[in-house]
């Protein structure tokens, strides 16, 4: 069973309150029994309702769809935290990406970069990939273009054959309000460890090779 995990959020804090993010820390440790809606071999896809979205219960902050084909839309928050987790196996690398678009009529607050983060195991180091959403329009695009790639390290959690991949989409450092972002899905692609041929040059079916016009 694949489960989702929040790291970097205290569920009792309110938007606008000062909050901090610490490397390699899982503050509230909350979990759900959600999992990916689609598993096509080495690729797993998480719909918005299968991701843990901070403040998703508050309809003034997020619009969360009931169906699978409608994106979640950020109305306004100052603490962007969308995360997930799934079991992974040593001997493989994993690439994380998100399918995103923007409601341009209600878009604001995207001058600062957003970060896609991933790590394997609670003691693993985060891989961080900053992304620029300031030019994102209504067309669905995959971020980051070069993916966020992580793989188990032999010295980390050496006694376990299996680990957990923690991943997410974050902007929790500026406390600036932002809105208009639409999250269609998260994608996790498994790749044999040591294979440096990233899937970044072979876009997923969902991205259709589309890029944001400069």
Protein backbone atom coordinates (compact mmCIF):
# COMPACT_ATOMS: atom_id res chain seq x y z
CA UNK A 1 0.00 0.00 0.00
CA UNK A 2 1.37 3.39 -0.94
CA UNK A 3 0.98 6.15 1.60
CA UNK A 4 1.41 9.89 1.57
CA UNK A 5 3.41 11.96 3.97
CA UNK A 6 3.65 15.60 4.99
CA UNK A 7 7.07 16.94 5.84
CA UNK A 8 7.78 20.53 6.73
CA UNK A 9 4.30 21.39 8.02
CA UNK A 10 2.69 21.74 11.41
CA UNK A 11 -1.01 21.13 10.81
CA UNK A 12 -1.97 23.37 13.76
CA UNK A 13 -0.34 26.47 12.29
CA UNK A 14 -2.40 28.87 10.22
CA UNK A 15 -1.54 30.47 6.89
CA UNK A 16 0.42 33.65 7.40
CA UNK A 17 2.03 32.52 10.64
CA UNK A 18 5.80 32.26 10.67
CA UNK A 19 6.90 28.72 9.88
CA UNK A 20 10.31 27.16 9.31
CA UNK A 21 11.63 24.36 7.13
CA UNK A 22 14.55 22.17 8.23
CA UNK A 23 16.60 19.85 6.04
CA UNK A 24 15.94 16.14 6.57
CA UNK A 25 13.12 16.75 9.04
CA UNK A 26 9.58 15.35 9.10
CA UNK A 27 7.80 17.57 11.64
CA UNK A 28 4.29 16.18 11.89
CA UNK A 29 4.75 12.69 10.45
CA UNK A 30 1.09 12.44 9.41
CA UNK A 31 0.18 9.71 6.92
CA UNK A 32 -2.79 8.59 4.90
CA UNK A 33 -3.60 5.32 3.18
CA UNK A 34 -3.75 6.92 -0.26
CA UNK A 35 -1.84 5.65 -3.27
CA UNK A 36 -1.30 6.37 -6.94
CA UNK A 37 -4.34 6.16 -9.20
CA UNK A 38 -2.40 4.72 -12.11
CA UNK A 39 0.49 2.28 -12.15
CA UNK A 40 1.93 1.59 -15.60
CA UNK A 41 4.91 -0.61 -14.87
CA UNK A 42 7.80 1.63 -13.89
CA UNK A 43 5.71 4.82 -13.89
CA UNK A 44 3.28 5.76 -11.13
CA UNK A 45 0.91 8.71 -11.23
CA UNK A 46 -0.74 10.48 -8.31
CA UNK A 47 -3.93 12.48 -8.88
CA UNK A 48 -4.50 15.58 -6.68
CA UNK A 49 -6.80 13.73 -4.28
CA UNK A 50 -4.01 11.17 -3.76
CA UNK A 51 -1.52 13.83 -2.69
CA UNK A 52 -1.30 15.49 0.69
CA UNK A 53 -1.99 19.18 0.15
CA UNK A 54 -1.49 21.46 3.13
CA UNK A 55 -4.72 23.42 3.87
CA UNK A 56 -6.72 21.34 1.38
CA UNK A 57 -9.59 21.16 3.87
CA UNK A 58 -10.04 24.95 3.73
CA UNK A 59 -12.04 25.89 0.63
CA UNK A 60 -10.84 29.49 0.75
CA UNK A 61 -7.31 28.24 0.06
CA UNK A 62 -7.74 25.29 -2.32
CA UNK A 63 -10.30 23.90 -4.76
CA UNK A 64 -9.93 20.11 -4.61
CA UNK A 65 -11.78 18.07 -7.28
CA UNK A 66 -13.80 14.94 -6.65
CA UNK A 67 -13.05 13.52 -10.08
CA UNK A 68 -9.77 12.25 -11.49
CA UNK A 69 -9.62 14.45 -14.57
CA UNK A 70 -9.87 17.85 -12.88
CA UNK A 71 -6.81 19.56 -11.37
CA UNK A 72 -6.58 20.91 -7.86
CA UNK A 73 -6.43 24.71 -7.95
CA UNK A 74 -4.59 26.91 -5.50
CA UNK A 75 -6.78 29.90 -4.62
CA UNK A 76 -4.40 31.58 -2.19
CA UNK A 77 -1.82 30.41 0.34
CA UNK A 78 1.50 31.65 1.66
CA UNK A 79 2.70 28.09 2.40
CA UNK A 80 2.77 25.82 -0.66
CA UNK A 81 3.25 22.21 0.47
CA UNK A 82 2.09 19.37 -1.79
CA UNK A 83 3.67 16.03 -0.95
CA UNK A 84 3.52 12.29 -1.37
CA UNK A 85 5.38 9.11 -0.57
CA UNK A 86 5.65 5.58 -1.89
CA UNK A 87 7.74 2.46 -1.19
CA UNK A 88 10.78 1.98 -3.40
CA UNK A 89 13.40 -0.71 -3.81
CA UNK A 90 17.16 -0.40 -3.62
CA UNK A 91 18.93 -0.86 -6.92
CA UNK A 92 16.74 1.69 -8.67
CA UNK A 93 16.74 5.45 -9.15
CA UNK A 94 13.52 7.49 -9.19
CA UNK A 95 12.58 10.64 -11.08
CA UNK A 96 9.84 12.90 -9.76
CA UNK A 97 7.87 15.49 -11.70
CA UNK A 98 4.57 17.37 -11.52
CA UNK A 99 2.09 18.24 -14.28
CA UNK A 100 1.13 21.89 -13.73
CA UNK A 101 -0.78 24.72 -15.37
CA UNK A 102 -1.88 28.20 -14.31
CA UNK A 103 -5.24 29.92 -14.09
CA UNK A 104 -3.89 33.12 -15.60
CA UNK A 105 -6.94 35.16 -14.56
CA UNK A 106 -6.22 34.47 -10.90
CA UNK A 107 -2.43 34.08 -10.97
CA UNK A 108 -0.27 36.04 -8.52
CA UNK A 109 2.80 35.67 -6.32
CA UNK A 110 5.08 33.52 -8.50
CA UNK A 111 8.15 35.76 -8.67
CA UNK A 112 10.09 33.44 -6.36
CA UNK A 113 11.10 29.91 -7.44
CA UNK A 114 9.17 26.85 -6.31
CA UNK A 115 11.18 23.76 -5.38
CA UNK A 116 10.56 20.11 -6.26
CA UNK A 117 12.21 17.98 -3.56
CA UNK A 118 12.73 14.25 -3.13
CA UNK A 119 14.69 11.90 -0.90
CA UNK A 120 14.84 8.18 -0.16
CA UNK A 121 14.54 7.18 3.48
CA UNK A 122 14.00 9.42 6.48
CA UNK A 123 17.76 9.88 6.84
CA UNK A 124 18.36 10.54 3.16
CA UNK A 125 19.46 13.87 1.78
CA UNK A 126 17.02 15.88 -0.29
CA UNK A 127 17.55 16.46 -3.97
CA UNK A 128 16.19 19.93 -4.69
CA UNK A 129 15.30 21.31 -8.11
CA UNK A 130 14.07 24.93 -8.29
CA UNK A 131 11.47 25.69 -10.96
CA UNK A 132 10.22 28.99 -12.37
CA UNK A 133 6.44 29.21 -12.63
CA UNK A 134 6.31 32.93 -13.42
CA UNK A 135 5.72 32.29 -17.15
CA UNK A 136 3.39 29.30 -16.76
CA UNK A 137 0.11 29.70 -18.65
CA UNK A 138 -3.03 27.63 -19.08
CA UNK A 139 -1.30 24.82 -20.96
CA UNK A 140 -0.35 21.74 -18.91
CA UNK A 141 3.45 21.43 -18.57
CA UNK A 142 5.74 18.96 -16.81
CA UNK A 143 8.10 20.31 -14.10
CA UNK A 144 10.98 20.16 -13.62
CA UNK A 145 11.96 19.70 -17.28
CA UNK A 146 15.01 17.65 -16.23
CA UNK A 147 13.10 15.84 -13.44
CA UNK A 148 14.11 15.53 -9.79
CA UNK A 149 16.22 12.36 -9.60
CA UNK A 150 17.15 10.44 -6.45
CA UNK A 151 18.58 6.99 -5.78
CA UNK A 152 19.44 4.99 -2.64
CA UNK A 153 22.98 5.37 -1.32
CA UNK A 154 24.72 2.30 -0.01
CA UNK A 155 25.63 3.97 3.28
CA UNK A 156 22.06 5.07 4.00
CA UNK A 157 19.76 2.62 5.79
CA UNK A 158 22.03 -0.25 4.77
CA UNK A 159 20.07 -2.86 6.73
CA UNK A 160 16.87 -2.38 4.77
CA UNK A 161 16.11 -3.84 1.34
CA UNK A 162 13.26 -1.42 0.79
CA UNK A 163 12.87 2.27 1.50
CA UNK A 164 10.33 5.05 1.16
CA UNK A 165 10.49 7.84 -1.39
CA UNK A 166 9.36 11.20 -0.02
CA UNK A 167 8.65 13.89 -2.60
CA UNK A 168 6.89 17.19 -2.90
CA UNK A 169 6.34 20.62 -4.41
CA UNK A 170 7.21 23.49 -2.05
CA UNK A 171 7.44 27.21 -1.56
CA UNK A 172 7.48 27.58 2.22
CA UNK A 173 10.34 30.03 2.71
CA UNK A 174 9.11 33.49 1.66
CA UNK A 175 5.65 33.59 3.32
CA UNK A 176 4.42 35.44 0.22
CA UNK A 177 0.85 34.85 -0.85
CA UNK A 178 0.32 33.16 -4.18
CA UNK A 179 -2.54 31.72 -6.21
CA UNK A 180 -3.74 30.38 -9.54
CA UNK A 181 -1.60 27.22 -9.73
CA UNK A 182 -3.31 24.08 -10.99
CA UNK A 183 -1.89 20.68 -10.06
CA UNK A 184 -2.91 17.90 -12.44
CA UNK A 185 -0.79 15.02 -11.14
CA UNK A 186 2.56 13.92 -9.78
CA UNK A 187 4.64 11.35 -11.66
CA UNK A 188 7.28 8.98 -10.29
CA UNK A 189 9.39 7.10 -12.84
CA UNK A 190 11.59 4.15 -11.80
CA UNK A 191 15.00 3.80 -13.47
CA UNK A 192 17.72 1.20 -12.81
CA UNK A 193 20.30 2.80 -10.51
CA UNK A 194 23.50 3.72 -12.30
CA UNK A 195 21.64 4.35 -15.55
CA UNK A 196 22.43 7.97 -16.30
CA UNK A 197 20.00 8.10 -19.21
CA UNK A 198 17.37 10.29 -17.57
CA UNK A 199 13.84 10.32 -18.93
CA UNK A 200 14.09 14.12 -19.09
CA UNK A 201 14.74 13.95 -22.84
CA UNK A 202 11.86 11.54 -23.39
CA UNK A 203 8.83 13.45 -22.03
CA UNK A 204 6.07 11.51 -20.37
CA UNK A 205 2.85 10.94 -22.27
CA UNK A 206 1.17 13.58 -20.11
CA UNK A 207 3.58 16.37 -21.05
CA UNK A 208 3.34 15.74 -24.80
CA UNK A 209 6.69 17.48 -25.10
CA UNK A 210 5.16 20.90 -24.49
CA UNK A 211 7.24 23.76 -23.12
CA UNK A 212 6.39 27.22 -21.90
CA UNK A 213 6.94 29.91 -24.48
CA UNK A 214 9.55 32.40 -23.35
